[in-house]
């Protein structure tokens, strides 16, 4: 029969594991929801899980790999839309518009995050060159870059979770 101290430790561990899982799930949701640093929450949940276990099953090497993936996902998230715009030959104003559209989109929910970079880039390009067709092309290229970045971020977040779960089970 477990002692009082052992039961307290079991309850404490259960609460910590619940917090770890909650952070990971919140992070996975945050990979597509605006204003949530998804991969940062996933990383936080993984580090918490590794710490609960004393870094025995999920060691520092695994945590380091997951941290590198988190940084990669963060960089892709911010750079992909801008790279799409630049690849389409966007003007400096279009790049600024895409960045401003991305920031504005955060306050408009998921639809804003998905489409405001397109709108910002198109407006910036139109202001720079007064060419509607080119502005639309740049806006679409920005949107495609943003979508590629979003998909990459989601894939990387699931890779992070897979590496963590694999380390726990091995």
C-alpha atoms as a PDB file:
ATOM      1  CA  UNK A   1       0.000   0.000   0.000  1.00  0.00           C
ATOM      2  CA  UNK A   2       1.456   3.390  -0.978  1.00  0.00           C
ATOM      3  CA  UNK A   3       2.348   5.823   1.761  1.00  0.00           C
ATOM      4  CA  UNK A   4       0.941   9.353   1.961  1.00  0.00           C
ATOM      5  CA  UNK A   5       4.138  10.764   0.498  1.00  0.00           C
ATOM      6  CA  UNK A   6       4.002   8.357  -2.452  1.00  0.00           C
ATOM      7  CA  UNK A   7       0.377   9.272  -3.161  1.00  0.00           C
ATOM      8  CA  UNK A   8       1.284  12.992  -3.098  1.00  0.00           C
ATOM      9  CA  UNK A   9       4.141  12.333  -5.521  1.00  0.00           C
ATOM     10  CA  UNK A  10       1.811  10.341  -7.812  1.00  0.00           C
ATOM     11  CA  UNK A  11      -0.776  13.164  -7.807  1.00  0.00           C
ATOM     12  CA  UNK A  12       1.957  15.736  -8.443  1.00  0.00           C
ATOM     13  CA  UNK A  13       3.348  13.710 -11.356  1.00  0.00           C
ATOM     14  CA  UNK A  14      -0.140  13.263 -12.790  1.00  0.00           C
ATOM     15  CA  UNK A  15      -0.735  17.009 -12.653  1.00  0.00           C
ATOM     16  CA  UNK A  16       2.628  17.697 -14.298  1.00  0.00           C
ATOM     17  CA  UNK A  17       2.009  15.132 -17.058  1.00  0.00           C
ATOM     18  CA  UNK A  18      -1.426  16.658 -17.599  1.00  0.00           C
ATOM     19  CA  UNK A  19       0.179  20.102 -17.907  1.00  0.00           C
ATOM     20  CA  UNK A  20       2.743  18.697 -20.345  1.00  0.00           C
ATOM     21  CA  UNK A  21       0.028  17.133 -22.506  1.00  0.00           C
ATOM     22  CA  UNK A  22      -2.072  20.309 -22.330  1.00  0.00           C
ATOM     23  CA  UNK A  23       0.860  22.437 -23.499  1.00  0.00           C
ATOM     24  CA  UNK A  24       1.523  20.069 -26.392  1.00  0.00           C
ATOM     25  CA  UNK A  25      -2.142  20.029 -27.447  1.00  0.00           C
ATOM     26  CA  UNK A  26      -2.395  23.816 -27.126  1.00  0.00           C
ATOM     27  CA  UNK A  27       0.765  24.080 -29.207  1.00  0.00           C
ATOM     28  CA  UNK A  28      -0.625  21.835 -31.937  1.00  0.00           C
ATOM     29  CA  UNK A  29      -3.735  24.011 -32.059  1.00  0.00           C
ATOM     30  CA  UNK A  30      -1.499  27.083 -32.091  1.00  0.00           C
ATOM     31  CA  UNK A  31       0.208  25.958 -35.271  1.00  0.00           C
ATOM     32  CA  UNK A  32      -2.927  26.988 -37.163  1.00  0.00           C
ATOM     33  CA  UNK A  33      -4.619  29.424 -34.775  1.00  0.00           C
ATOM     34  CA  UNK A  34      -3.502  33.035 -34.706  1.00  0.00           C
ATOM     35  CA  UNK A  35      -1.722  34.638 -31.759  1.00  0.00           C
ATOM     36  CA  UNK A  36      -0.648  31.328 -30.206  1.00  0.00           C
ATOM     37  CA  UNK A  37       3.045  30.460 -30.422  1.00  0.00           C
ATOM     38  CA  UNK A  38       2.303  26.860 -31.368  1.00  0.00           C
ATOM     39  CA  UNK A  39       5.721  25.290 -31.634  1.00  0.00           C
ATOM     40  CA  UNK A  40       6.869  27.147 -28.517  1.00  0.00           C
ATOM     41  CA  UNK A  41       4.034  25.557 -26.523  1.00  0.00           C
ATOM     42  CA  UNK A  42       4.830  22.130 -28.013  1.00  0.00           C
ATOM     43  CA  UNK A  43       8.481  22.606 -27.049  1.00  0.00           C
ATOM     44  CA  UNK A  44       7.471  23.729 -23.548  1.00  0.00           C
ATOM     45  CA  UNK A  45       5.304  20.652 -23.064  1.00  0.00           C
ATOM     46  CA  UNK A  46       8.090  18.388 -24.267  1.00  0.00           C
ATOM     47  CA  UNK A  47      10.684  19.999 -21.998  1.00  0.00           C
ATOM     48  CA  UNK A  48       8.265  19.701 -19.072  1.00  0.00           C
ATOM     49  CA  UNK A  49       7.707  16.023 -19.881  1.00  0.00           C
ATOM     50  CA  UNK A  50      11.438  15.412 -20.100  1.00  0.00           C
ATOM     51  CA  UNK A  51      11.966  17.208 -16.778  1.00  0.00           C
ATOM     52  CA  UNK A  52       9.217  15.211 -15.007  1.00  0.00           C
ATOM     53  CA  UNK A  53      11.025  12.042 -16.004  1.00  0.00           C
ATOM     54  CA  UNK A  54      14.405  13.448 -14.926  1.00  0.00           C
ATOM     55  CA  UNK A  55      15.568  13.515 -18.560  1.00  0.00           C
ATOM     56  CA  UNK A  56      16.031   9.736 -18.391  1.00  0.00           C
ATOM     57  CA  UNK A  57      13.881   8.642 -21.345  1.00  0.00           C
ATOM     58  CA  UNK A  58      13.811  12.014 -23.096  1.00  0.00           C
ATOM     59  CA  UNK A  59      17.376  13.211 -22.792  1.00  0.00           C
ATOM     60  CA  UNK A  60      19.083  16.451 -23.660  1.00  0.00           C
ATOM     61  CA  UNK A  61      19.918  15.225 -27.158  1.00  0.00           C
ATOM     62  CA  UNK A  62      16.246  14.658 -27.923  1.00  0.00           C
ATOM     63  CA  UNK A  63      15.291  17.986 -26.358  1.00  0.00           C
ATOM     64  CA  UNK A  64      17.965  19.701 -28.459  1.00  0.00           C
ATOM     65  CA  UNK A  65      16.675  18.149 -31.696  1.00  0.00           C
ATOM     66  CA  UNK A  66      13.131  19.189 -30.828  1.00  0.00           C
ATOM     67  CA  UNK A  67      14.327  22.727 -29.984  1.00  0.00           C
ATOM     68  CA  UNK A  68      16.067  23.024 -33.364  1.00  0.00           C
ATOM     69  CA  UNK A  69      12.857  21.889 -35.061  1.00  0.00           C
ATOM     70  CA  UNK A  70      10.892  24.508 -33.094  1.00  0.00           C
ATOM     71  CA  UNK A  71      13.252  27.264 -34.250  1.00  0.00           C
ATOM     72  CA  UNK A  72      13.020  25.994 -37.833  1.00  0.00           C
ATOM     73  CA  UNK A  73       9.209  26.028 -37.678  1.00  0.00           C
ATOM     74  CA  UNK A  74       9.215  29.552 -36.256  1.00  0.00           C
ATOM     75  CA  UNK A  75      11.547  30.791 -38.999  1.00  0.00           C
ATOM     76  CA  UNK A  76       9.499  29.130 -41.742  1.00  0.00           C
ATOM     77  CA  UNK A  77       6.303  30.590 -40.342  1.00  0.00           C
ATOM     78  CA  UNK A  78       7.562  34.154 -40.638  1.00  0.00           C
ATOM     79  CA  UNK A  79       9.644  33.824 -43.770  1.00  0.00           C
ATOM     80  CA  UNK A  80       7.500  31.711 -46.102  1.00  0.00           C
ATOM     81  CA  UNK A  81       4.994  34.386 -47.115  1.00  0.00           C
ATOM     82  CA  UNK A  82       7.708  36.941 -47.643  1.00  0.00           C
ATOM     83  CA  UNK A  83       9.707  34.447 -49.694  1.00  0.00           C
ATOM     84  CA  UNK A  84       6.656  33.747 -51.882  1.00  0.00           C
ATOM     85  CA  UNK A  85       6.226  37.461 -52.512  1.00  0.00           C
ATOM     86  CA  UNK A  86       9.903  38.001 -53.246  1.00  0.00           C
ATOM     87  CA  UNK A  87       9.977  35.041 -55.638  1.00  0.00           C
ATOM     88  CA  UNK A  88       7.127  36.627 -57.603  1.00  0.00           C
ATOM     89  CA  UNK A  89       9.268  39.725 -58.068  1.00  0.00           C
ATOM     90  CA  UNK A  90       7.466  41.740 -55.431  1.00  0.00           C
ATOM     91  CA  UNK A  91       8.470  45.300 -54.753  1.00  0.00           C
ATOM     92  CA  UNK A  92       9.746  46.476 -51.393  1.00  0.00           C
ATOM     93  CA  UNK A  93       6.290  47.948 -50.745  1.00  0.00           C
ATOM     94  CA  UNK A  94       4.695  44.540 -51.388  1.00  0.00           C
ATOM     95  CA  UNK A  95       7.045  42.905 -48.871  1.00  0.00           C
ATOM     96  CA  UNK A  96       6.194  45.570 -46.313  1.00  0.00           C
ATOM     97  CA  UNK A  97       2.504  45.136 -47.150  1.00  0.00           C
ATOM     98  CA  UNK A  98       2.746  41.373 -46.659  1.00  0.00           C
ATOM     99  CA  UNK A  99       4.415  41.852 -43.270  1.00  0.00           C
ATOM    100  CA  UNK A 100       1.810  44.432 -42.217  1.00  0.00           C
ATOM    101  CA  UNK A 101      -0.962  42.182 -43.510  1.00  0.00           C
ATOM    102  CA  UNK A 102       0.390  39.307 -41.458  1.00  0.00           C
ATOM    103  CA  UNK A 103       0.425  41.433 -38.313  1.00  0.00           C
ATOM    104  CA  UNK A 104      -3.072  42.782 -39.013  1.00  0.00           C
ATOM    105  CA  UNK A 105      -4.301  39.254 -39.711  1.00  0.00           C
ATOM    106  CA  UNK A 106      -3.345  38.127 -36.213  1.00  0.00           C
ATOM    107  CA  UNK A 107      -6.100  40.365 -34.855  1.00  0.00           C
ATOM    108  CA  UNK A 108      -8.674  39.086 -37.341  1.00  0.00           C
ATOM    109  CA  UNK A 109      -8.677  35.402 -36.496  1.00  0.00           C
ATOM    110  CA  UNK A 110      -7.851  32.453 -38.695  1.00  0.00           C
ATOM    111  CA  UNK A 111      -9.296  34.003 -41.863  1.00  0.00           C
ATOM    112  CA  UNK A 112      -7.194  37.121 -41.277  1.00  0.00           C
ATOM    113  CA  UNK A 113      -4.030  35.111 -40.761  1.00  0.00           C
ATOM    114  CA  UNK A 114      -4.711  33.151 -43.920  1.00  0.00           C
ATOM    115  CA  UNK A 115      -5.627  36.022 -46.239  1.00  0.00           C
ATOM    116  CA  UNK A 116      -4.291  39.331 -44.903  1.00  0.00           C
ATOM    117  CA  UNK A 117      -0.730  38.660 -46.154  1.00  0.00           C
ATOM    118  CA  UNK A 118      -2.245  38.301 -49.645  1.00  0.00           C
ATOM    119  CA  UNK A 119      -4.195  41.553 -49.258  1.00  0.00           C
ATOM    120  CA  UNK A 120      -1.222  43.435 -47.792  1.00  0.00           C
ATOM    121  CA  UNK A 121       1.150  42.279 -50.516  1.00  0.00           C
ATOM    122  CA  UNK A 122      -1.345  43.066 -53.275  1.00  0.00           C
ATOM    123  CA  UNK A 123      -2.000  46.562 -51.920  1.00  0.00           C
ATOM    124  CA  UNK A 124       1.717  47.231 -51.482  1.00  0.00           C
ATOM    125  CA  UNK A 125       2.472  46.017 -54.995  1.00  0.00           C
ATOM    126  CA  UNK A 126      -0.343  48.082 -56.470  1.00  0.00           C
ATOM    127  CA  UNK A 127       0.887  51.199 -54.670  1.00  0.00           C
ATOM    128  CA  UNK A 128       4.383  50.591 -56.001  1.00  0.00           C
ATOM    129  CA  UNK A 129       3.596  49.780 -59.628  1.00  0.00           C
ATOM    130  CA  UNK A 130      -0.063  50.681 -60.274  1.00  0.00           C
ATOM    131  CA  UNK A 131      -0.590  47.346 -62.053  1.00  0.00           C
ATOM    132  CA  UNK A 132      -3.634  45.373 -60.850  1.00  0.00           C
ATOM    133  CA  UNK A 133      -2.652  42.135 -62.575  1.00  0.00           C
ATOM    134  CA  UNK A 134       0.865  42.141 -61.113  1.00  0.00           C
ATOM    135  CA  UNK A 135      -0.508  43.113 -57.695  1.00  0.00           C
ATOM    136  CA  UNK A 136      -2.850  40.118 -57.756  1.00  0.00           C
ATOM    137  CA  UNK A 137      -0.037  37.806 -58.881  1.00  0.00           C
ATOM    138  CA  UNK A 138       2.202  39.001 -56.046  1.00  0.00           C
ATOM    139  CA  UNK A 139      -0.666  38.676 -53.557  1.00  0.00           C
ATOM    140  CA  UNK A 140      -1.376  35.087 -54.623  1.00  0.00           C
ATOM    141  CA  UNK A 141       2.322  34.192 -54.500  1.00  0.00           C
ATOM    142  CA  UNK A 142       2.456  35.598 -50.973  1.00  0.00           C
ATOM    143  CA  UNK A 143      -0.606  33.576 -49.993  1.00  0.00           C
ATOM    144  CA  UNK A 144       0.897  30.389 -51.454  1.00  0.00           C
ATOM    145  CA  UNK A 145       4.124  31.004 -49.537  1.00  0.00           C
ATOM    146  CA  UNK A 146       2.143  31.543 -46.356  1.00  0.00           C
ATOM    147  CA  UNK A 147       0.227  28.287 -46.881  1.00  0.00           C
ATOM    148  CA  UNK A 148       3.443  26.369 -47.534  1.00  0.00           C
ATOM    149  CA  UNK A 149       4.859  27.816 -44.309  1.00  0.00           C
ATOM    150  CA  UNK A 150       1.714  26.868 -42.380  1.00  0.00           C
ATOM    151  CA  UNK A 151       1.774  23.289 -43.648  1.00  0.00           C
ATOM    152  CA  UNK A 152       5.507  23.012 -42.890  1.00  0.00           C
ATOM    153  CA  UNK A 153       4.930  24.344 -39.363  1.00  0.00           C
ATOM    154  CA  UNK A 154       2.162  21.801 -38.709  1.00  0.00           C
ATOM    155  CA  UNK A 155       4.304  18.946 -40.058  1.00  0.00           C
ATOM    156  CA  UNK A 156       7.278  20.014 -37.942  1.00  0.00           C
ATOM    157  CA  UNK A 157       5.096  20.300 -34.821  1.00  0.00           C
ATOM    158  CA  UNK A 158       3.861  16.735 -35.327  1.00  0.00           C
ATOM    159  CA  UNK A 159       7.455  15.602 -35.910  1.00  0.00           C
ATOM    160  CA  UNK A 160       8.389  17.184 -32.573  1.00  0.00           C
ATOM    161  CA  UNK A 161       5.584  15.299 -30.823  1.00  0.00           C
ATOM    162  CA  UNK A 162       6.518  12.066 -32.602  1.00  0.00           C
ATOM    163  CA  UNK A 163      10.142  12.343 -31.516  1.00  0.00           C
ATOM    164  CA  UNK A 164       9.017  12.995 -27.919  1.00  0.00           C
ATOM    165  CA  UNK A 165       6.566  10.082 -27.843  1.00  0.00           C
ATOM    166  CA  UNK A 166       9.139   7.812 -29.479  1.00  0.00           C
ATOM    167  CA  UNK A 167      11.727   8.733 -26.839  1.00  0.00           C
ATOM    168  CA  UNK A 168       9.202   8.080 -24.065  1.00  0.00           C
ATOM    169  CA  UNK A 169       8.296   4.653 -25.381  1.00  0.00           C
ATOM    170  CA  UNK A 170      11.779   3.374 -26.181  1.00  0.00           C
END
